[in-house]
C-alpha cells in the first residue's frame, strides 16, 4: 500500500521554515509521510537532463554535500531535537525548487506545501516557486503566506538600513 506524501521545500529562509511547520501539521492530520526537499544548482547554473530537474543522480559531490548539510541545518532549525511526529524523509535534488517539488510528488493524493515568500519588488524578479507548483503539479498545492512577524522584522531591517529613528510609541501598540 502506498502512503500519501506531503511534500515541502526548504531553503533555510523564515518563509520556508513556516511552510515546513505547516507541512508537518498537514502530514499529521493526513497520517502521511513528510518529504522535505532542498533543491540546489551547480555553480554556473548547468542543469542536468531529466523529467523536470534530473532527479539529482549525476550531481557533483561538493554541491550535493553542501545541500545535504543545508537540509540538515534547516531541519535542526525547524524541529531541534523534537521531530514532527510523522515519517520524515529528506531529499536533496539538483534542479530548480519548483520542478524539484513537483517531481517529488507521486500522484494526485499527495500535497505540496510551499511558502509564498515576500513579494517585494526585488523578489518579484525571481520566478515564484509557489506559482510554478500551482501551474505544474498534478496534486493540490497549499501556499503558506509568511508569518505576520516576518513583515514586522522586514520593517525593522528596512528602518535600520535607512538609519531611521525608532519611534518608541510604536512599541506600545
N, C-alpha and C. Protein backbone atom coordinates (compact mmCIF):
# COMPACT_ATOMS: atom_id res chain seq x y z
N UNK A 1 0.85 -1.19 0.00
CA UNK A 1 0.00 0.00 0.00
C UNK A 1 0.88 1.24 0.00
N UNK A 2 0.57 2.18 -0.83
CA UNK A 2 1.31 3.42 -0.91
C UNK A 2 0.81 4.38 0.16
N UNK A 3 1.76 5.12 0.72
CA UNK A 3 1.40 6.14 1.70
C UNK A 3 1.33 7.49 1.01
N UNK A 4 0.36 8.28 1.42
CA UNK A 4 0.25 9.63 0.91
C UNK A 4 1.47 10.43 1.36
N UNK A 5 1.88 11.37 0.55
CA UNK A 5 3.02 12.23 0.87
C UNK A 5 2.57 13.68 1.01
N UNK A 6 3.18 14.37 1.94
CA UNK A 6 3.12 15.82 1.99
C UNK A 6 4.54 16.26 1.67
N UNK A 7 4.68 17.01 0.59
CA UNK A 7 5.99 17.41 0.09
C UNK A 7 6.15 18.92 0.30
N UNK A 8 7.28 19.30 0.87
CA UNK A 8 7.57 20.72 1.05
C UNK A 8 9.03 20.98 0.75
N UNK A 9 9.33 22.20 0.40
CA UNK A 9 10.71 22.58 0.11
C UNK A 9 11.25 23.46 1.22
N UNK A 10 12.56 23.36 1.43
CA UNK A 10 13.21 24.23 2.41
C UNK A 10 14.44 24.86 1.77
N UNK A 11 14.74 26.04 2.26
CA UNK A 11 15.96 26.73 1.85
C UNK A 11 16.69 27.27 3.07
N UNK A 12 16.01 27.22 4.21
CA UNK A 12 16.55 27.80 5.43
C UNK A 12 15.98 29.18 5.70
N UNK A 13 15.24 29.73 4.75
CA UNK A 13 14.63 31.05 4.94
C UNK A 13 13.48 30.94 5.95
N UNK A 14 13.13 32.05 6.61
CA UNK A 14 12.00 32.00 7.54
C UNK A 14 10.71 31.53 6.88
N UNK A 15 10.47 31.94 5.63
CA UNK A 15 9.26 31.51 4.93
C UNK A 15 9.22 30.02 4.68
N UNK A 16 10.37 29.45 4.35
CA UNK A 16 10.39 28.01 4.10
C UNK A 16 10.22 27.23 5.39
N UNK A 17 10.71 27.78 6.50
CA UNK A 17 10.53 27.10 7.79
C UNK A 17 9.08 27.18 8.25
N UNK A 18 8.40 28.29 7.95
CA UNK A 18 6.97 28.40 8.24
C UNK A 18 6.20 27.35 7.45
N UNK A 19 6.53 27.21 6.17
CA UNK A 19 5.88 26.21 5.32
C UNK A 19 6.18 24.79 5.82
N UNK A 20 7.40 24.57 6.30
CA UNK A 20 7.77 23.25 6.82
C UNK A 20 6.93 22.87 8.03
N UNK A 21 6.72 23.82 8.93
CA UNK A 21 5.88 23.54 10.11
C UNK A 21 4.44 23.26 9.69
N UNK A 22 3.93 23.99 8.70
CA UNK A 22 2.57 23.75 8.22
C UNK A 22 2.48 22.38 7.54
N UNK A 23 3.53 22.03 6.78
CA UNK A 23 3.56 20.73 6.13
C UNK A 23 3.57 19.60 7.15
N UNK A 24 4.31 19.77 8.24
CA UNK A 24 4.33 18.75 9.29
C UNK A 24 2.95 18.59 9.91
N UNK A 25 2.26 19.70 10.13
CA UNK A 25 0.91 19.64 10.69
C UNK A 25 -0.04 18.94 9.72
N UNK A 26 0.08 19.24 8.43
CA UNK A 26 -0.76 18.58 7.42
C UNK A 26 -0.47 17.09 7.35
N UNK A 27 0.80 16.71 7.46
CA UNK A 27 1.17 15.29 7.42
C UNK A 27 0.57 14.55 8.62
N UNK A 28 0.61 15.19 9.79
CA UNK A 28 -0.01 14.56 10.98
C UNK A 28 -1.51 14.38 10.78
N UNK A 29 -2.18 15.40 10.26
CA UNK A 29 -3.62 15.33 10.04
C UNK A 29 -4.00 14.23 9.04
N UNK A 30 -3.18 14.04 8.03
CA UNK A 30 -3.47 13.10 6.96
C UNK A 30 -2.85 11.73 7.18
N UNK A 31 -2.10 11.57 8.28
CA UNK A 31 -1.35 10.35 8.53
C UNK A 31 -0.47 10.02 7.32
N UNK A 32 0.24 11.03 6.84
CA UNK A 32 1.05 10.93 5.63
C UNK A 32 2.53 11.05 5.97
N UNK A 33 3.36 10.67 5.00
CA UNK A 33 4.80 10.86 5.12
C UNK A 33 5.11 12.33 4.81
N UNK A 34 6.10 12.87 5.48
CA UNK A 34 6.56 14.24 5.21
C UNK A 34 7.86 14.16 4.44
N UNK A 35 7.84 14.65 3.21
CA UNK A 35 9.04 14.68 2.37
C UNK A 35 9.52 16.12 2.30
N UNK A 36 10.74 16.34 2.76
CA UNK A 36 11.34 17.68 2.78
C UNK A 36 12.40 17.72 1.69
N UNK A 37 12.23 18.64 0.75
CA UNK A 37 13.09 18.72 -0.44
C UNK A 37 13.91 19.99 -0.40
N UNK A 38 15.20 19.85 -0.65
CA UNK A 38 16.06 21.00 -0.83
C UNK A 38 16.64 20.91 -2.23
N UNK A 39 16.30 21.88 -3.08
CA UNK A 39 16.81 21.91 -4.45
C UNK A 39 18.08 22.75 -4.48
N UNK A 40 19.02 22.32 -5.28
CA UNK A 40 20.27 23.07 -5.41
C UNK A 40 20.71 23.04 -6.86
N UNK A 41 21.54 24.01 -7.21
CA UNK A 41 22.07 24.10 -8.56
C UNK A 41 23.58 24.14 -8.52
N UNK A 42 24.18 23.54 -9.52
CA UNK A 42 25.63 23.54 -9.62
C UNK A 42 26.13 24.95 -9.94
N UNK A 43 27.34 25.28 -9.52
CA UNK A 43 27.91 26.58 -9.88
C UNK A 43 27.89 26.74 -11.40
N UNK A 44 27.53 27.93 -11.85
CA UNK A 44 27.44 28.18 -13.28
C UNK A 44 26.07 27.91 -13.85
N UNK A 45 25.18 27.30 -13.04
CA UNK A 45 23.79 27.09 -13.45
C UNK A 45 23.57 25.94 -14.41
N UNK A 46 24.56 25.06 -14.61
CA UNK A 46 24.37 23.92 -15.50
C UNK A 46 23.27 23.02 -14.97
N UNK A 47 22.32 22.67 -15.82
CA UNK A 47 21.20 21.84 -15.41
C UNK A 47 21.33 20.44 -15.97
N UNK A 48 20.99 19.43 -15.19
CA UNK A 48 21.01 18.06 -15.70
C UNK A 48 19.82 17.79 -16.59
N UNK A 49 19.87 16.69 -17.28
CA UNK A 49 18.74 16.26 -18.09
C UNK A 49 17.80 15.43 -17.23
N UNK A 50 16.52 15.40 -17.59
CA UNK A 50 15.59 14.59 -16.83
C UNK A 50 14.17 15.07 -17.03
N UNK A 51 13.24 14.50 -16.25
CA UNK A 51 11.83 14.82 -16.41
C UNK A 51 11.61 16.32 -16.28
N UNK A 52 11.99 16.90 -15.16
CA UNK A 52 11.92 18.35 -14.96
C UNK A 52 13.28 18.87 -14.51
N UNK A 53 13.87 18.16 -13.56
CA UNK A 53 15.09 18.68 -12.95
C UNK A 53 16.18 17.63 -12.80
N UNK A 54 15.99 16.45 -13.30
CA UNK A 54 17.06 15.47 -13.35
C UNK A 54 17.12 14.49 -12.21
N UNK A 55 16.41 14.71 -11.13
CA UNK A 55 16.39 13.75 -10.04
C UNK A 55 17.66 13.70 -9.21
N UNK A 56 18.67 14.47 -9.55
CA UNK A 56 19.84 14.58 -8.70
C UNK A 56 20.81 13.42 -8.79
N UNK A 57 20.75 12.58 -9.82
CA UNK A 57 21.60 11.41 -9.84
C UNK A 57 23.01 11.69 -10.35
N UNK A 58 23.20 12.73 -11.15
CA UNK A 58 24.53 12.98 -11.71
C UNK A 58 25.12 14.28 -11.18
N UNK A 59 25.00 14.51 -9.90
CA UNK A 59 25.40 15.78 -9.32
C UNK A 59 26.86 15.75 -8.86
N UNK A 60 27.55 16.88 -8.96
CA UNK A 60 28.90 16.95 -8.42
C UNK A 60 28.87 16.80 -6.90
N UNK A 61 29.85 16.07 -6.37
CA UNK A 61 29.88 15.75 -4.94
C UNK A 61 29.92 16.98 -4.03
N UNK A 62 30.75 18.00 -4.29
CA UNK A 62 30.80 19.13 -3.35
C UNK A 62 29.47 19.88 -3.23
N UNK A 63 28.77 20.08 -4.36
CA UNK A 63 27.49 20.78 -4.32
C UNK A 63 26.44 19.98 -3.59
N UNK A 64 26.40 18.69 -3.82
CA UNK A 64 25.42 17.84 -3.16
C UNK A 64 25.71 17.76 -1.66
N UNK A 65 26.97 17.66 -1.28
CA UNK A 65 27.32 17.59 0.14
C UNK A 65 26.90 18.86 0.86
N UNK A 66 27.09 20.00 0.23
CA UNK A 66 26.67 21.26 0.83
C UNK A 66 25.15 21.32 0.96
N UNK A 67 24.44 20.79 -0.04
CA UNK A 67 22.98 20.76 0.01
C UNK A 67 22.49 19.87 1.14
N UNK A 68 23.14 18.73 1.33
CA UNK A 68 22.76 17.82 2.42
C UNK A 68 22.95 18.51 3.76
N UNK A 69 24.06 19.21 3.94
CA UNK A 69 24.31 19.94 5.19
C UNK A 69 23.28 21.06 5.39
N UNK A 70 22.93 21.76 4.31
CA UNK A 70 21.92 22.81 4.41
C UNK A 70 20.57 22.23 4.79
N UNK A 71 20.22 21.07 4.25
CA UNK A 71 18.96 20.40 4.60
C UNK A 71 18.96 20.00 6.07
N UNK A 72 20.05 19.41 6.53
CA UNK A 72 20.15 19.04 7.95
C UNK A 72 20.02 20.27 8.84
N UNK A 73 20.68 21.35 8.46
CA UNK A 73 20.59 22.58 9.24
C UNK A 73 19.18 23.14 9.30
N UNK A 74 18.47 23.10 8.17
CA UNK A 74 17.09 23.59 8.14
C UNK A 74 16.19 22.73 9.02
N UNK A 75 16.36 21.41 8.99
CA UNK A 75 15.55 20.53 9.83
C UNK A 75 15.87 20.74 11.31
N UNK A 76 17.14 20.92 11.63
CA UNK A 76 17.52 21.20 13.02
C UNK A 76 16.95 22.52 13.49
N UNK A 77 16.99 23.54 12.63
CA UNK A 77 16.43 24.85 12.99
C UNK A 77 14.93 24.75 13.20
N UNK A 78 14.25 24.01 12.34
CA UNK A 78 12.79 23.91 12.42
C UNK A 78 12.33 23.07 13.59
N UNK A 79 12.98 21.94 13.84
CA UNK A 79 12.47 20.99 14.82
C UNK A 79 13.36 20.77 16.03
N UNK A 80 14.63 21.13 15.94
CA UNK A 80 15.55 20.86 17.05
C UNK A 80 15.62 19.37 17.30
N UNK A 81 15.56 18.98 18.55
CA UNK A 81 15.62 17.55 18.89
C UNK A 81 14.24 16.89 18.88
N UNK A 82 13.18 17.68 18.78
CA UNK A 82 11.81 17.15 18.76
C UNK A 82 11.37 17.02 17.30
N UNK A 83 11.25 15.81 16.83
CA UNK A 83 10.84 15.59 15.44
C UNK A 83 9.34 15.79 15.28
N UNK A 84 8.87 15.91 14.04
CA UNK A 84 7.48 16.33 13.81
C UNK A 84 6.40 15.30 14.11
N UNK A 85 6.75 14.07 14.47
CA UNK A 85 5.73 13.08 14.81
C UNK A 85 5.16 12.34 13.62
N UNK A 86 5.82 12.41 12.48
CA UNK A 86 5.43 11.67 11.27
C UNK A 86 6.70 11.09 10.65
N UNK A 87 6.52 10.17 9.71
CA UNK A 87 7.66 9.66 8.97
C UNK A 87 8.24 10.80 8.16
N UNK A 88 9.53 11.03 8.34
CA UNK A 88 10.20 12.18 7.73
C UNK A 88 11.27 11.68 6.77
N UNK A 89 11.25 12.20 5.55
CA UNK A 89 12.27 11.86 4.55
C UNK A 89 12.85 13.15 4.00
N UNK A 90 14.17 13.24 3.98
CA UNK A 90 14.85 14.39 3.40
C UNK A 90 15.40 14.03 2.03
N UNK A 91 15.32 14.97 1.10
CA UNK A 91 15.74 14.73 -0.26
C UNK A 91 16.44 15.96 -0.81
N UNK A 92 17.66 15.81 -1.30
CA UNK A 92 18.33 16.90 -2.00
C UNK A 92 18.29 16.59 -3.48
N UNK A 93 17.92 17.59 -4.26
CA UNK A 93 17.73 17.40 -5.70
C UNK A 93 18.44 18.52 -6.44
N UNK A 94 19.21 18.13 -7.45
CA UNK A 94 19.85 19.12 -8.30
C UNK A 94 18.82 19.61 -9.31
N UNK A 95 18.48 20.89 -9.22
CA UNK A 95 17.49 21.47 -10.13
C UNK A 95 16.87 22.70 -9.51
N UNK A 96 15.82 23.17 -10.11
CA UNK A 96 15.11 24.34 -9.61
C UNK A 96 14.11 23.91 -8.55
N UNK A 97 13.81 24.78 -7.58
CA UNK A 97 12.92 24.38 -6.48
C UNK A 97 11.54 23.94 -6.93
N UNK A 98 10.89 24.68 -7.81
CA UNK A 98 9.55 24.30 -8.24
C UNK A 98 9.50 22.94 -8.90
N UNK A 99 10.42 22.70 -9.82
CA UNK A 99 10.46 21.42 -10.52
C UNK A 99 10.79 20.29 -9.56
N UNK A 100 11.67 20.54 -8.59
CA UNK A 100 12.03 19.50 -7.62
C UNK A 100 10.82 19.10 -6.79
N UNK A 101 10.01 20.06 -6.38
CA UNK A 101 8.81 19.76 -5.59
C UNK A 101 7.79 18.99 -6.41
N UNK A 102 7.55 19.42 -7.63
CA UNK A 102 6.59 18.74 -8.50
C UNK A 102 7.05 17.32 -8.77
N UNK A 103 8.34 17.13 -9.03
CA UNK A 103 8.86 15.78 -9.31
C UNK A 103 8.79 14.86 -8.10
N UNK A 104 8.82 15.42 -6.89
CA UNK A 104 8.81 14.59 -5.68
C UNK A 104 7.42 14.02 -5.38
N UNK A 105 6.40 14.54 -6.01
CA UNK A 105 5.05 14.00 -5.79
C UNK A 105 4.84 12.77 -6.67
N UNK A 106 4.03 11.86 -6.15
CA UNK A 106 3.80 10.59 -6.84
C UNK A 106 2.46 10.58 -7.57
N UNK A 107 1.42 11.08 -6.92
CA UNK A 107 0.11 11.01 -7.53
C UNK A 107 -0.79 12.13 -7.00
N UNK A 108 -2.03 12.12 -7.44
CA UNK A 108 -2.97 13.20 -7.12
C UNK A 108 -3.36 13.25 -5.65
N UNK A 109 -3.06 12.20 -4.87
CA UNK A 109 -3.38 12.21 -3.45
C UNK A 109 -2.32 12.91 -2.60
N UNK A 110 -1.18 13.21 -3.19
CA UNK A 110 -0.13 13.92 -2.46
C UNK A 110 -0.51 15.38 -2.29
N UNK A 111 0.27 16.10 -1.49
CA UNK A 111 0.04 17.52 -1.25
C UNK A 111 1.40 18.21 -1.25
N UNK A 112 1.48 19.32 -1.97
CA UNK A 112 2.67 20.16 -1.92
C UNK A 112 2.35 21.35 -1.02
N UNK A 113 3.22 21.61 -0.05
CA UNK A 113 3.09 22.78 0.81
C UNK A 113 4.29 23.67 0.52
N UNK A 114 4.02 24.89 0.11
CA UNK A 114 5.09 25.79 -0.29
C UNK A 114 4.85 27.18 0.30
N UNK A 115 5.92 27.81 0.73
CA UNK A 115 5.82 29.19 1.23
C UNK A 115 5.70 30.15 0.08
N UNK A 116 4.92 31.20 0.28
CA UNK A 116 4.76 32.19 -0.78
C UNK A 116 5.88 33.21 -0.75
N UNK A 117 6.52 33.37 0.40
CA UNK A 117 7.64 34.30 0.48
C UNK A 117 7.20 35.75 0.35
N UNK A 118 8.15 36.61 0.54
CA UNK A 118 7.90 38.04 0.40
C UNK A 118 7.81 38.38 -1.08
N UNK A 119 6.90 39.22 -1.45
CA UNK A 119 6.77 39.60 -2.85
C UNK A 119 7.22 41.04 -3.05
N UNK A 120 8.35 41.40 -2.45
CA UNK A 120 8.91 42.73 -2.63
C UNK A 120 9.33 42.89 -4.09
N UNK A 121 9.60 44.12 -4.49
CA UNK A 121 9.95 44.41 -5.87
C UNK A 121 11.15 43.59 -6.32
N UNK A 122 12.16 43.49 -5.50
CA UNK A 122 13.36 42.75 -5.88
C UNK A 122 13.05 41.27 -6.03
N UNK A 123 12.26 40.70 -5.13
CA UNK A 123 11.96 39.28 -5.18
C UNK A 123 11.02 38.93 -6.33
N UNK A 124 10.27 39.90 -6.85
CA UNK A 124 9.39 39.62 -7.98
C UNK A 124 10.16 39.34 -9.25
N UNK A 125 11.42 39.72 -9.29
CA UNK A 125 12.23 39.47 -10.47
C UNK A 125 12.59 37.99 -10.59
N UNK A 126 12.58 37.27 -9.47
CA UNK A 126 12.86 35.83 -9.50
C UNK A 126 11.56 35.07 -9.71
N UNK A 127 11.64 33.90 -10.34
CA UNK A 127 10.41 33.12 -10.54
C UNK A 127 9.83 32.65 -9.20
N UNK A 128 8.52 32.58 -9.14
CA UNK A 128 7.82 32.16 -7.93
C UNK A 128 7.72 30.63 -7.89
N UNK A 129 8.25 30.03 -6.83
CA UNK A 129 8.16 28.59 -6.66
C UNK A 129 6.70 28.18 -6.47
N UNK A 130 5.97 28.95 -5.68
CA UNK A 130 4.56 28.63 -5.45
C UNK A 130 3.77 28.66 -6.75
N UNK A 131 4.00 29.66 -7.56
CA UNK A 131 3.28 29.77 -8.84
C UNK A 131 3.65 28.60 -9.76
N UNK A 132 4.93 28.22 -9.78
CA UNK A 132 5.35 27.09 -10.60
C UNK A 132 4.61 25.82 -10.17
N UNK A 133 4.58 25.58 -8.87
CA UNK A 133 3.92 24.37 -8.35
C UNK A 133 2.43 24.39 -8.65
N UNK A 134 1.78 25.53 -8.48
CA UNK A 134 0.36 25.62 -8.75
C UNK A 134 0.05 25.37 -10.22
N UNK A 135 0.96 25.73 -11.09
CA UNK A 135 0.75 25.57 -12.52
C UNK A 135 1.06 24.16 -13.01
N UNK A 136 2.08 23.51 -12.42
CA UNK A 136 2.57 22.24 -12.97
C UNK A 136 2.21 20.98 -12.17
N UNK A 137 1.81 21.12 -10.94
CA UNK A 137 1.58 19.95 -10.10
C UNK A 137 0.27 19.24 -10.46
N UNK A 138 0.29 17.93 -10.35
CA UNK A 138 -0.90 17.12 -10.59
C UNK A 138 -1.65 16.85 -9.28
N UNK A 139 -1.20 17.47 -8.20
CA UNK A 139 -1.83 17.29 -6.89
C UNK A 139 -2.13 18.67 -6.31
N UNK A 140 -2.87 18.74 -5.21
CA UNK A 140 -3.15 20.03 -4.59
C UNK A 140 -1.88 20.71 -4.09
N UNK A 141 -1.90 22.04 -4.10
CA UNK A 141 -0.78 22.85 -3.62
C UNK A 141 -1.33 23.81 -2.58
N UNK A 142 -0.73 23.79 -1.39
CA UNK A 142 -1.10 24.71 -0.33
C UNK A 142 -0.02 25.77 -0.24
N UNK A 143 -0.36 27.01 -0.54
CA UNK A 143 0.58 28.12 -0.48
C UNK A 143 0.45 28.81 0.87
N UNK A 144 1.53 28.81 1.64
CA UNK A 144 1.54 29.34 3.00
C UNK A 144 2.15 30.74 3.00
N UNK A 145 1.38 31.75 3.41
CA UNK A 145 1.94 33.11 3.44
C UNK A 145 2.97 33.24 4.56
N UNK A 146 3.82 34.26 4.44
CA UNK A 146 4.80 34.47 5.50
C UNK A 146 4.12 34.80 6.82
N UNK A 147 4.82 34.55 7.90
CA UNK A 147 4.32 34.90 9.23
C UNK A 147 4.15 36.41 9.32
N UNK A 148 3.10 36.89 9.99
CA UNK A 148 2.96 38.34 10.19
C UNK A 148 4.18 38.94 10.91
N UNK A 149 4.82 38.15 11.74
CA UNK A 149 6.02 38.64 12.42
C UNK A 149 7.15 38.91 11.44
N UNK A 150 7.16 38.17 10.32
CA UNK A 150 8.20 38.39 9.31
C UNK A 150 8.07 39.79 8.71
N UNK A 151 6.85 40.26 8.48
CA UNK A 151 6.65 41.61 7.96
C UNK A 151 7.19 42.65 8.94
N UNK A 152 6.96 42.43 10.23
CA UNK A 152 7.50 43.35 11.24
C UNK A 152 9.02 43.33 11.24
N UNK A 153 9.59 42.15 11.13
CA UNK A 153 11.05 42.03 11.10
C UNK A 153 11.62 42.71 9.86
N UNK A 154 10.97 42.53 8.71
CA UNK A 154 11.42 43.19 7.49
C UNK A 154 11.37 44.70 7.63
N UNK A 155 10.32 45.22 8.30
CA UNK A 155 10.22 46.67 8.51
C UNK A 155 11.36 47.18 9.38
N UNK A 156 11.73 46.42 10.40
CA UNK A 156 12.85 46.81 11.26
C UNK A 156 14.15 46.82 10.46
N UNK A 157 14.33 45.81 9.63
CA UNK A 157 15.54 45.76 8.79
C UNK A 157 15.60 46.96 7.84
N UNK A 158 14.45 47.31 7.24
CA UNK A 158 14.43 48.49 6.35
C UNK A 158 14.74 49.75 7.13
N UNK A 159 14.18 49.88 8.33
CA UNK A 159 14.43 51.06 9.16
C UNK A 159 15.92 51.16 9.48
N UNK A 160 16.53 50.02 9.82
CA UNK A 160 17.96 50.03 10.12
C UNK A 160 18.79 50.34 8.88
N UNK A 161 18.39 49.80 7.74
CA UNK A 161 19.11 50.05 6.50
C UNK A 161 19.13 51.53 6.16
N UNK A 162 17.99 52.18 6.35
CA UNK A 162 17.87 53.61 6.04
C UNK A 162 18.24 54.50 7.23
N UNK A 163 18.63 53.86 8.33
CA UNK A 163 19.04 54.57 9.55
C UNK A 163 17.96 55.55 10.05
N UNK A 164 16.72 55.06 10.02
CA UNK A 164 15.60 55.85 10.51
C UNK A 164 15.48 55.66 12.02
N UNK A 165 15.11 56.72 12.74
CA UNK A 165 14.99 56.57 14.20
C UNK A 165 13.78 55.71 14.57
N UNK A 166 13.89 55.07 15.69
CA UNK A 166 12.80 54.25 16.21
C UNK A 166 11.86 55.12 17.01
N UNK A 167 10.57 55.06 16.70
CA UNK A 167 9.55 55.79 17.44
C UNK A 167 9.07 54.86 18.56
N UNK A 168 9.37 55.20 19.80
CA UNK A 168 9.02 54.34 20.94
C UNK A 168 7.52 54.13 21.09
N UNK A 169 6.73 55.03 20.56
CA UNK A 169 5.26 54.87 20.63
C UNK A 169 4.82 53.63 19.85
N UNK A 170 5.59 53.23 18.81
CA UNK A 170 5.24 52.05 18.02
C UNK A 170 5.36 50.77 18.86
N UNK A 171 6.24 50.77 19.84
CA UNK A 171 6.43 49.59 20.67
C UNK A 171 5.26 49.35 21.62
N UNK A 172 4.51 50.40 21.95
CA UNK A 172 3.40 50.29 22.87
C UNK A 172 2.15 49.72 22.22
N UNK A 173 2.10 49.70 20.90
CA UNK A 173 0.87 49.21 20.23
C UNK A 173 0.92 47.77 19.93
